[in-house]
PDB file of N, CA and C in Angstrom:
ATOM      1  N   MET A   1       1.337  -1.571  -0.106  1.00  0.00           N
ATOM      2  CA  MET A   1      -0.172   0.277   0.097  1.00  0.00           C
ATOM      3  C   MET A   1       0.453   1.242  -0.090  1.00  0.00           C
ATOM      4  N   GLU A   2       1.841   1.721   0.808  1.00  0.00           N
ATOM      5  CA  GLU A   2       2.757   2.349   1.218  1.00  0.00           C
ATOM      6  C   GLU A   2       3.976   2.569  -0.014  1.00  0.00           C
ATOM      7  N   ASN A   3       4.194   1.565  -0.940  1.00  0.00           N
ATOM      8  CA  ASN A   3       5.282   1.095  -1.614  1.00  0.00           C
ATOM      9  C   ASN A   3       5.368   2.760  -3.356  1.00  0.00           C
ATOM     10  N   PRO A   4       3.808   3.056  -3.512  1.00  0.00           N
ATOM     11  CA  PRO A   4       4.179   3.819  -4.834  1.00  0.00           C
ATOM     12  C   PRO A   4       4.353   4.866  -3.917  1.00  0.00           C
ATOM     13  N   SER A   5       3.960   5.399  -2.672  1.00  0.00           N
ATOM     14  CA  SER A   5       4.249   6.971  -2.026  1.00  0.00           C
ATOM     15  C   SER A   5       5.960   6.830  -1.851  1.00  0.00           C
ATOM     16  N   ILE A   6       6.276   5.649  -1.370  1.00  0.00           N
ATOM     17  CA  ILE A   6       7.447   5.808  -1.351  1.00  0.00           C
ATOM     18  C   ILE A   6       8.437   6.330  -2.054  1.00  0.00           C
ATOM     19  N   GLN A   7       8.521   5.121  -3.179  1.00  0.00           N
ATOM     20  CA  GLN A   7       8.530   5.672  -4.716  1.00  0.00           C
ATOM     21  C   GLN A   7       8.976   7.085  -5.120  1.00  0.00           C
ATOM     22  N   GLY A   8       7.491   7.694  -4.847  1.00  0.00           N
ATOM     23  CA  GLY A   8       7.830   9.020  -5.416  1.00  0.00           C
ATOM     24  C   GLY A   8       7.974   9.845  -3.995  1.00  0.00           C
ATOM     25  N   LEU A   9       8.501  10.046  -3.125  1.00  0.00           N
ATOM     26  CA  LEU A   9       9.286  10.297  -1.931  1.00  0.00           C
ATOM     27  C   LEU A   9      10.934  10.131  -2.575  1.00  0.00           C
ATOM     28  N   VAL A  10      11.102   8.400  -2.898  1.00  0.00           N
ATOM     29  CA  VAL A  10      12.546   8.888  -3.336  1.00  0.00           C
ATOM     30  C   VAL A  10      12.799  10.156  -4.364  1.00  0.00           C
ATOM     31  N   GLU A  11      12.078   9.114  -5.451  1.00  0.00           N
ATOM     32  CA  GLU A  11      12.804  10.139  -6.535  1.00  0.00           C
ATOM     33  C   GLU A  11      12.503  11.133  -6.254  1.00  0.00           C
ATOM     34  N   ALA A  12      11.480  12.138  -5.929  1.00  0.00           N
ATOM     35  CA  ALA A  12      11.614  13.590  -5.193  1.00  0.00           C
ATOM     36  C   ALA A  12      13.093  14.356  -4.213  1.00  0.00           C
ATOM     37  N   GLU A  13      13.320  13.894  -3.965  1.00  0.00           N
ATOM     38  CA  GLU A  13      14.465  13.269  -2.862  1.00  0.00           C
ATOM     39  C   GLU A  13      15.798  12.759  -3.541  1.00  0.00           C
ATOM     40  N   ARG A  14      15.955  12.087  -4.920  1.00  0.00           N
ATOM     41  CA  ARG A  14      16.797  11.413  -5.566  1.00  0.00           C
ATOM     42  C   ARG A  14      17.916  12.307  -5.101  1.00  0.00           C
ATOM     43  N   LYS A  15      18.505  14.307  -6.125  1.00  0.00           N
ATOM     44  CA  LYS A  15      19.252  14.647  -5.669  1.00  0.00           C
ATOM     45  C   LYS A  15      19.617  15.188  -3.821  1.00  0.00           C
ATOM     46  N   ASN A  16      18.693  14.870  -3.092  1.00  0.00           N
ATOM     47  CA  ASN A  16      19.367  15.471  -1.863  1.00  0.00           C
ATOM     48  C   ASN A  16      20.431  14.129  -0.996  1.00  0.00           C
ATOM     49  N   LYS A  17      21.708  15.012  -1.413  1.00  0.00           N
ATOM     50  CA  LYS A  17      22.469  13.869  -0.712  1.00  0.00           C
ATOM     51  C   LYS A  17      23.042  13.838   0.863  1.00  0.00           C
ATOM     52  N   SER A  18      21.584  14.301   1.324  1.00  0.00           N
ATOM     53  CA  SER A  18      21.640  14.209   3.013  1.00  0.00           C
ATOM     54  C   SER A  18      20.497  13.082   2.970  1.00  0.00           C
ATOM     55  N   PHE A  19      19.601  12.462   2.327  1.00  0.00           N
ATOM     56  CA  PHE A  19      18.258  11.862   2.541  1.00  0.00           C
ATOM     57  C   PHE A  19      19.085  10.461   2.325  1.00  0.00           C
ATOM     58  N   VAL A  20      18.468   9.362   2.411  1.00  0.00           N
ATOM     59  CA  VAL A  20      18.869   7.558   2.034  1.00  0.00           C
ATOM     60  C   VAL A  20      17.893   7.389   2.613  1.00  0.00           C
ATOM     61  N   PHE A  21      16.766   6.664   1.840  1.00  0.00           N
ATOM     62  CA  PHE A  21      16.408   5.442   1.998  1.00  0.00           C
ATOM     63  C   PHE A  21      16.663   4.431   2.067  1.00  0.00           C
ATOM     64  N   VAL A  22      16.014   3.814   3.068  1.00  0.00           N
ATOM     65  CA  VAL A  22      16.572   1.875   2.907  1.00  0.00           C
ATOM     66  C   VAL A  22      15.191   1.668   3.336  1.00  0.00           C
ATOM     67  N   SER A  23      14.315   0.576   2.356  1.00  0.00           N
ATOM     68  CA  SER A  23      13.509  -0.285   3.170  1.00  0.00           C
ATOM     69  C   SER A  23      14.233  -1.769   3.317  1.00  0.00           C
ATOM     70  N   VAL A  24      13.673  -2.726   4.412  1.00  0.00           N
ATOM     71  CA  VAL A  24      14.107  -3.650   4.690  1.00  0.00           C
ATOM     72  C   VAL A  24      12.915  -5.068   4.957  1.00  0.00           C
ATOM     73  N   LEU A  25      13.230  -5.802   3.408  1.00  0.00           N
ATOM     74  CA  LEU A  25      12.384  -6.463   3.349  1.00  0.00           C
ATOM     75  C   LEU A  25      12.024  -8.385   4.538  1.00  0.00           C
ATOM     76  N   PHE A  26      11.304  -7.771   5.304  1.00  0.00           N
ATOM     77  CA  PHE A  26      11.300  -8.775   6.172  1.00  0.00           C
ATOM     78  C   PHE A  26      10.279  -9.732   6.265  1.00  0.00           C
ATOM     79  N   ASN A  27      10.409 -10.781   6.729  1.00  0.00           N
ATOM     80  CA  ASN A  27       9.461 -12.049   6.337  1.00  0.00           C
ATOM     81  C   ASN A  27       8.948 -12.369   5.602  1.00  0.00           C
ATOM     82  N   ASP A  28       9.791 -12.575   4.453  1.00  0.00           N
ATOM     83  CA  ASP A  28       9.337 -12.835   2.686  1.00  0.00           C
ATOM     84  C   ASP A  28      10.674 -13.208   2.034  1.00  0.00           C
ATOM     85  N   GLU A  29      10.139 -13.909   1.062  1.00  0.00           N
ATOM     86  CA  GLU A  29      11.092 -14.648   0.238  1.00  0.00           C
ATOM     87  C   GLU A  29      11.921 -13.323  -0.912  1.00  0.00           C
ATOM     88  N   PRO A  30      13.213 -13.235  -1.112  1.00  0.00           N
ATOM     89  CA  PRO A  30      13.637 -12.623  -2.070  1.00  0.00           C
ATOM     90  C   PRO A  30      12.663 -12.339  -3.259  1.00  0.00           C
ATOM     91  N   SER A  31      12.865 -13.494  -3.799  1.00  0.00           N
ATOM     92  CA  SER A  31      12.544 -13.736  -5.279  1.00  0.00           C
ATOM     93  C   SER A  31      10.900 -12.841  -5.548  1.00  0.00           C
ATOM     94  N   ARG A  32      10.277 -13.402  -4.161  1.00  0.00           N
ATOM     95  CA  ARG A  32       8.799 -13.047  -4.636  1.00  0.00           C
ATOM     96  C   ARG A  32       8.941 -11.052  -3.974  1.00  0.00           C
ATOM     97  N   ALA A  33      10.312 -10.453  -3.519  1.00  0.00           N
ATOM     98  CA  ALA A  33       9.868  -8.939  -3.256  1.00  0.00           C
ATOM     99  C   ALA A  33      10.782  -8.243  -4.915  1.00  0.00           C
ATOM    100  N   VAL A  34      11.522  -9.321  -5.130  1.00  0.00           N
ATOM    101  CA  VAL A  34      12.219  -8.311  -6.819  1.00  0.00           C
ATOM    102  C   VAL A  34      10.702  -8.455  -7.651  1.00  0.00           C
ATOM    103  N   GLU A  35      10.800 -10.049  -8.267  1.00  0.00           N
ATOM    104  CA  GLU A  35       8.911  -9.346  -8.623  1.00  0.00           C
ATOM    105  C   GLU A  35       8.217  -8.671  -8.491  1.00  0.00           C
ATOM    106  N   TYR A  36       7.973  -8.610  -6.957  1.00  0.00           N
ATOM    107  CA  TYR A  36       7.353  -7.053  -6.837  1.00  0.00           C
ATOM    108  C   TYR A  36       7.733  -5.873  -7.239  1.00  0.00           C
ATOM    109  N   MET A  37       8.931  -5.690  -7.297  1.00  0.00           N
ATOM    110  CA  MET A  37       9.077  -4.479  -7.539  1.00  0.00           C
ATOM    111  C   MET A  37       9.520  -3.898  -9.030  1.00  0.00           C
ATOM    112  N   LYS A  38       9.843  -5.421  -9.736  1.00  0.00           N
ATOM    113  CA  LYS A  38       9.938  -5.124 -11.097  1.00  0.00           C
ATOM    114  C   LYS A  38       8.465  -5.102 -12.197  1.00  0.00           C
ATOM    115  N   ALA A  39       7.409  -5.480 -10.967  1.00  0.00           N
ATOM    116  CA  ALA A  39       5.770  -5.730 -11.763  1.00  0.00           C
ATOM    117  C   ALA A  39       5.595  -4.394 -10.979  1.00  0.00           C
ATOM    118  N   ASN A  40       5.503  -3.442 -10.121  1.00  0.00           N
ATOM    119  CA  ASN A  40       5.132  -2.324  -9.804  1.00  0.00           C
ATOM    120  C   ASN A  40       6.149  -1.162 -10.296  1.00  0.00           C
ATOM    121  N   GLY A  41       7.793  -1.800 -10.638  1.00  0.00           N
ATOM    122  CA  GLY A  41       7.663   0.079 -11.659  1.00  0.00           C
ATOM    123  C   GLY A  41       8.368   0.431 -10.007  1.00  0.00           C
ATOM    124  N   LEU A  42       9.095  -0.354  -9.169  1.00  0.00           N
ATOM    125  CA  LEU A  42       9.670   0.277  -7.541  1.00  0.00           C
ATOM    126  C   LEU A  42      11.183   0.294  -8.295  1.00  0.00           C
ATOM    127  N   ASN A  43      11.818   1.012  -7.764  1.00  0.00           N
ATOM    128  CA  ASN A  43      13.160   0.826  -7.912  1.00  0.00           C
ATOM    129  C   ASN A  43      14.045   1.423  -6.842  1.00  0.00           C
ATOM    130  N   PHE A  44      13.664   1.731  -5.502  1.00  0.00           N
ATOM    131  CA  PHE A  44      14.622   1.624  -3.854  1.00  0.00           C
ATOM    132  C   PHE A  44      15.101   0.742  -3.273  1.00  0.00           C
ATOM    133  N   PRO A  45      16.328   1.245  -2.776  1.00  0.00           N
ATOM    134  CA  PRO A  45      16.620   0.182  -2.294  1.00  0.00           C
ATOM    135  C   PRO A  45      16.433  -0.360  -1.294  1.00  0.00           C
ATOM    136  N   VAL A  46      16.398  -2.224  -1.123  1.00  0.00           N
ATOM    137  CA  VAL A  46      16.081  -2.991  -0.386  1.00  0.00           C
ATOM    138  C   VAL A  46      16.807  -4.320  -0.073  1.00  0.00           C
ATOM    139  N   LEU A  47      16.712  -3.419   1.527  1.00  0.00           N
ATOM    140  CA  LEU A  47      17.738  -4.767   2.725  1.00  0.00           C
ATOM    141  C   LEU A  47      16.861  -6.338   2.487  1.00  0.00           C
ATOM    142  N   ILE A  48      18.006  -7.414   2.606  1.00  0.00           N
ATOM    143  CA  ILE A  48      17.326  -8.628   2.753  1.00  0.00           C
ATOM    144  C   ILE A  48      17.921  -9.230   4.270  1.00  0.00           C
ATOM    145  N   ASP A  49      16.096  -8.612   5.356  1.00  0.00           N
ATOM    146  CA  ASP A  49      16.915  -9.426   6.986  1.00  0.00           C
ATOM    147  C   ASP A  49      17.393 -10.360   7.084  1.00  0.00           C
ATOM    148  N   ASP A  50      18.349 -10.858   7.539  1.00  0.00           N
ATOM    149  CA  ASP A  50      18.976 -12.032   7.897  1.00  0.00           C
ATOM    150  C   ASP A  50      18.218 -11.953   9.534  1.00  0.00           C
ATOM    151  N   LYS A  51      17.273 -11.378   9.683  1.00  0.00           N
ATOM    152  CA  LYS A  51      16.778 -11.552  11.855  1.00  0.00           C
ATOM    153  C   LYS A  51      17.759 -11.036  11.711  1.00  0.00           C
ATOM    154  N   ASN A  52      18.852 -10.390  11.674  1.00  0.00           N
ATOM    155  CA  ASN A  52      19.256  -9.832  12.878  1.00  0.00           C
ATOM    156  C   ASN A  52      18.846  -8.196  13.004  1.00  0.00           C
ATOM    157  N   ILE A  53      18.486  -7.796  11.795  1.00  0.00           N
ATOM    158  CA  ILE A  53      17.799  -6.081  11.776  1.00  0.00           C
ATOM    159  C   ILE A  53      16.023  -5.944  12.468  1.00  0.00           C
ATOM    160  N   ALA A  54      15.234  -6.943  12.554  1.00  0.00           N
ATOM    161  CA  ALA A  54      13.988  -7.103  12.659  1.00  0.00           C
ATOM    162  C   ALA A  54      14.455  -7.567  14.818  1.00  0.00           C
ATOM    163  N   ARG A  55      15.139  -7.840  14.458  1.00  0.00           N
ATOM    164  CA  ARG A  55      15.829  -8.050  16.449  1.00  0.00           C
ATOM    165  C   ARG A  55      16.118  -7.339  17.031  1.00  0.00           C
ATOM    166  N   GLU A  56      17.088  -6.641  16.483  1.00  0.00           N
ATOM    167  CA  GLU A  56      17.929  -4.928  16.137  1.00  0.00           C
ATOM    168  C   GLU A  56      16.815  -4.446  16.632  1.00  0.00           C
ATOM    169  N   TYR A  57      15.957  -3.864  15.700  1.00  0.00           N
ATOM    170  CA  TYR A  57      15.121  -2.834  16.200  1.00  0.00           C
ATOM    171  C   TYR A  57      13.733  -3.365  16.366  1.00  0.00           C
ATOM    172  N   ARG A  58      13.195  -4.238  16.953  1.00  0.00           N
ATOM    173  CA  ARG A  58      12.000  -5.328  17.770  1.00  0.00           C
ATOM    174  C   ARG A  58      10.752  -4.696  16.713  1.00  0.00           C
ATOM    175  N   ILE A  59      11.457  -5.101  15.554  1.00  0.00           N
ATOM    176  CA  ILE A  59      10.199  -4.866  14.724  1.00  0.00           C
ATOM    177  C   ILE A  59       9.615  -6.296  14.628  1.00  0.00           C
ATOM    178  N   SER A  60       8.242  -5.827  14.419  1.00  0.00           N
ATOM    179  CA  SER A  60       6.962  -6.973  14.882  1.00  0.00           C
ATOM    180  C   SER A  60       6.097  -7.233  13.546  1.00  0.00           C
ATOM    181  N   GLY A  61       5.792  -6.346  12.744  1.00  0.00           N
ATOM    182  CA  GLY A  61       4.945  -6.351  11.672  1.00  0.00           C
ATOM    183  C   GLY A  61       5.515  -5.380  10.431  1.00  0.00           C
ATOM    184  N   VAL A  62       4.925  -5.284   9.240  1.00  0.00           N
ATOM    185  CA  VAL A  62       5.280  -4.544   8.589  1.00  0.00           C
ATOM    186  C   VAL A  62       3.968  -3.873   8.693  1.00  0.00           C
ATOM    187  N   PRO A  63       3.984  -2.588   7.847  1.00  0.00           N
ATOM    188  CA  PRO A  63       5.026  -1.988   7.396  1.00  0.00           C
ATOM    189  C   PRO A  63       5.410  -0.926   9.024  1.00  0.00           C
ATOM    190  N   GLU A  64       6.741  -1.116   9.327  1.00  0.00           N
ATOM    191  CA  GLU A  64       6.756  -0.562  10.476  1.00  0.00           C
ATOM    192  C   GLU A  64       8.117   0.518  10.353  1.00  0.00           C
ATOM    193  N   THR A  65       7.847   1.924  10.099  1.00  0.00           N
ATOM    194  CA  THR A  65       8.637   2.622   9.611  1.00  0.00           C
ATOM    195  C   THR A  65      10.240   3.092  11.002  1.00  0.00           C
ATOM    196  N   PHE A  66      11.833   3.702  10.646  1.00  0.00           N
ATOM    197  CA  PHE A  66      12.436   4.824  11.998  1.00  0.00           C
ATOM    198  C   PHE A  66      12.859   5.157  10.669  1.00  0.00           C
ATOM    199  N   ILE A  67      13.074   6.677  11.390  1.00  0.00           N
ATOM    200  CA  ILE A  67      13.528   8.169  10.851  1.00  0.00           C
ATOM    201  C   ILE A  67      14.561   8.193  11.482  1.00  0.00           C
ATOM    202  N   ILE A  68      15.913   7.564  10.957  1.00  0.00           N
ATOM    203  CA  ILE A  68      17.299   8.055  11.958  1.00  0.00           C
ATOM    204  C   ILE A  68      17.990   9.033  11.134  1.00  0.00           C
ATOM    205  N   ASP A  69      18.544   9.784  11.728  1.00  0.00           N
ATOM    206  CA  ASP A  69      18.918  11.327  11.917  1.00  0.00           C
ATOM    207  C   ASP A  69      20.093  10.430  11.448  1.00  0.00           C
ATOM    208  N   ALA A  70      21.286  12.231  11.161  1.00  0.00           N
ATOM    209  CA  ALA A  70      23.069  11.849  10.447  1.00  0.00           C
ATOM    210  C   ALA A  70      24.025  11.276  11.459  1.00  0.00           C
ATOM    211  N   LYS A  71      23.068  11.297  12.767  1.00  0.00           N
ATOM    212  CA  LYS A  71      24.547  10.744  13.878  1.00  0.00           C
ATOM    213  C   LYS A  71      23.616   9.239  14.053  1.00  0.00           C
ATOM    214  N   GLY A  72      22.820   8.555  13.573  1.00  0.00           N
ATOM    215  CA  GLY A  72      22.117   7.393  13.753  1.00  0.00           C
ATOM    216  C   GLY A  72      21.161   6.811  15.295  1.00  0.00           C
ATOM    217  N   ILE A  73      20.808   8.172  15.459  1.00  0.00           N
ATOM    218  CA  ILE A  73      19.874   7.971  16.267  1.00  0.00           C
ATOM    219  C   ILE A  73      17.917   8.438  16.046  1.00  0.00           C
ATOM    220  N   ILE A  74      17.959   6.792  16.014  1.00  0.00           N
ATOM    221  CA  ILE A  74      16.436   7.005  15.836  1.00  0.00           C
ATOM    222  C   ILE A  74      15.205   8.689  16.658  1.00  0.00           C
ATOM    223  N   ARG A  75      15.364   9.033  15.526  1.00  0.00           N
ATOM    224  CA  ARG A  75      14.145  10.114  15.856  1.00  0.00           C
ATOM    225  C   ARG A  75      12.629   9.636  15.462  1.00  0.00           C
ATOM    226  N   GLN A  76      11.933   8.089  15.375  1.00  0.00           N
ATOM    227  CA  GLN A  76      10.596   8.487  15.203  1.00  0.00           C
ATOM    228  C   GLN A  76      10.491   7.039  14.382  1.00  0.00           C
ATOM    229  N   LYS A  77       9.293   6.271  15.190  1.00  0.00           N
ATOM    230  CA  LYS A  77       9.458   5.419  15.214  1.00  0.00           C
ATOM    231  C   LYS A  77       7.620   4.946  14.965  1.00  0.00           C
ATOM    232  N   ILE A  78       7.381   4.690  13.679  1.00  0.00           N
ATOM    233  CA  ILE A  78       5.875   4.902  12.697  1.00  0.00           C
ATOM    234  C   ILE A  78       5.041   3.059  12.601  1.00  0.00           C
ATOM    235  N   ILE A  79       4.406   2.820  12.953  1.00  0.00           N
ATOM    236  CA  ILE A  79       3.821   1.417  12.510  1.00  0.00           C
ATOM    237  C   ILE A  79       2.605   1.619  11.928  1.00  0.00           C
ATOM    238  N   GLY A  80       2.369   1.300  11.079  1.00  0.00           N
ATOM    239  CA  GLY A  80       1.536   1.625  10.182  1.00  0.00           C
ATOM    240  C   GLY A  80       1.746   2.004   8.305  1.00  0.00           C
ATOM    241  N   PRO A  81       1.360   2.356   7.997  1.00  0.00           N
ATOM    242  CA  PRO A  81       1.111   2.568   6.446  1.00  0.00           C
ATOM    243  C   PRO A  81       1.240   4.228   6.579  1.00  0.00           C
ATOM    244  N   VAL A  82       2.123   5.319   5.938  1.00  0.00           N
ATOM    245  CA  VAL A  82       2.040   6.402   5.627  1.00  0.00           C
ATOM    246  C   VAL A  82       1.971   6.677   4.286  1.00  0.00           C
ATOM    247  N   GLN A  83       1.306   7.615   3.956  1.00  0.00           N
ATOM    248  CA  GLN A  83       1.900   8.730   2.224  1.00  0.00           C
ATOM    249  C   GLN A  83       2.957   9.426   2.472  1.00  0.00           C
ATOM    250  N   TRP A  84       3.702   8.624   1.604  1.00  0.00           N
ATOM    251  CA  TRP A  84       4.687   9.367   1.715  1.00  0.00           C
ATOM    252  C   TRP A  84       5.647  10.100   1.265  1.00  0.00           C
ATOM    253  N   ASP A  85       4.995  10.687   0.121  1.00  0.00           N
ATOM    254  CA  ASP A  85       5.438  12.017  -0.720  1.00  0.00           C
ATOM    255  C   ASP A  85       4.502  12.975  -0.454  1.00  0.00           C
ATOM    256  N   SER A  86       3.489  13.212   0.747  1.00  0.00           N
ATOM    257  CA  SER A  86       2.787  14.035   1.165  1.00  0.00           C
ATOM    258  C   SER A  86       3.233  15.045   1.354  1.00  0.00           C
ATOM    259  N   PRO A  87       2.669  16.042   1.207  1.00  0.00           N
ATOM    260  CA  PRO A  87       3.350  17.579   1.582  1.00  0.00           C
ATOM    261  C   PRO A  87       4.135  17.384   2.984  1.00  0.00           C
ATOM    262  N   ASP A  88       2.782  17.179   3.803  1.00  0.00           N
ATOM    263  CA  ASP A  88       3.163  17.364   5.619  1.00  0.00           C
ATOM    264  C   ASP A  88       4.711  16.603   5.158  1.00  0.00           C
ATOM    265  N   ILE A  89       4.466  15.048   5.033  1.00  0.00           N
ATOM    266  CA  ILE A  89       5.577  14.625   5.322  1.00  0.00           C
ATOM    267  C   ILE A  89       7.194  15.103   4.388  1.00  0.00           C
ATOM    268  N   LYS A  90       6.882  14.543   3.857  1.00  0.00           N
ATOM    269  CA  LYS A  90       8.175  16.287   3.011  1.00  0.00           C
ATOM    270  C   LYS A  90       8.602  17.038   3.793  1.00  0.00           C
ATOM    271  N   ALA A  91       8.100  17.602   4.309  1.00  0.00           N
ATOM    272  CA  ALA A  91       8.264  19.230   5.414  1.00  0.00           C
ATOM    273  C   ALA A  91       9.140  18.281   6.581  1.00  0.00           C
ATOM    274  N   ALA A  92       8.679  17.706   7.452  1.00  0.00           N
ATOM    275  CA  ALA A  92       9.027  16.839   7.873  1.00  0.00           C
ATOM    276  C   ALA A  92      10.493  16.143   8.223  1.00  0.00           C
ATOM    277  N   ILE A  93      10.430  15.638   6.965  1.00  0.00           N
ATOM    278  CA  ILE A  93      12.044  15.087   7.028  1.00  0.00           C
ATOM    279  C   ILE A  93      12.787  16.222   5.837  1.00  0.00           C
ATOM    280  N   GLU A  94      12.684  17.406   5.503  1.00  0.00           N
ATOM    281  CA  GLU A  94      13.829  18.405   5.217  1.00  0.00           C
ATOM    282  C   GLU A  94      13.673  19.229   6.592  1.00  0.00           C
ATOM    283  N   LYS A  95      13.035  18.922   7.072  1.00  0.00           N
ATOM    284  CA  LYS A  95      13.810  19.332   8.343  1.00  0.00           C
ATOM    285  C   LYS A  95      14.299  18.824   9.280  1.00  0.00           C
ATOM    286  N   LEU A  96      14.183  17.706   8.792  1.00  0.00           N
ATOM    287  CA  LEU A  96      14.619  16.813   9.803  1.00  0.00           C
ATOM    288  C   LEU A  96      16.398  16.405   9.271  1.00  0.00           C
ATOM    289  N   VAL A  97      16.451  16.886   8.191  1.00  0.00           N
ATOM    290  CA  VAL A  97      17.748  16.744   7.328  1.00  0.00           C
ATOM    291  C   VAL A  97      18.179  18.515   7.529  1.00  0.00           C
ATOM    292  N   LYS A  98      17.812  19.109   7.887  1.00  0.00           N
ATOM    293  CA  LYS A  98      18.924  20.332   7.509  1.00  0.00           C
ATOM    294  C   LYS A  98      18.947  20.899   9.258  1.00  0.00           C
ATOM    295  N   GLU A  99      18.601  20.012   9.895  1.00  0.00           N
ATOM    296  CA  GLU A  99      19.222  19.767  11.376  1.00  0.00           C
ATOM    297  C   GLU A  99      20.465  19.296  11.332  1.00  0.00           C
ATOM    298  N   ARG A 100      20.755  18.184  11.251  1.00  0.00           N
ATOM    299  CA  ARG A 100      22.555  17.664  10.614  1.00  0.00           C
ATOM    300  C   ARG A 100      22.671  17.639  12.079  1.00  0.00           C
TER     301      ARG A 100
END
């Protein structure tokens, strides 16, 4: 549900060197994820979880999103889907990126 808006955000921020987006494949087959990404025209990076990421971040389901600042500090954890390419979300991310 979120992936089209994630793609929109990633495309909008493509030239912003201070912004990095990484999706984590949790509890799914990598081959299915690759096919899904291709079929839906998605090209953002996907990290395949070796179960260490889920354990480290205490992921219990999907979607769960972590906003992490330039110092590696988790600034926010969001449980549930978000419209990532909305003006409010873009403004919040821009504010966080400028804080550095």
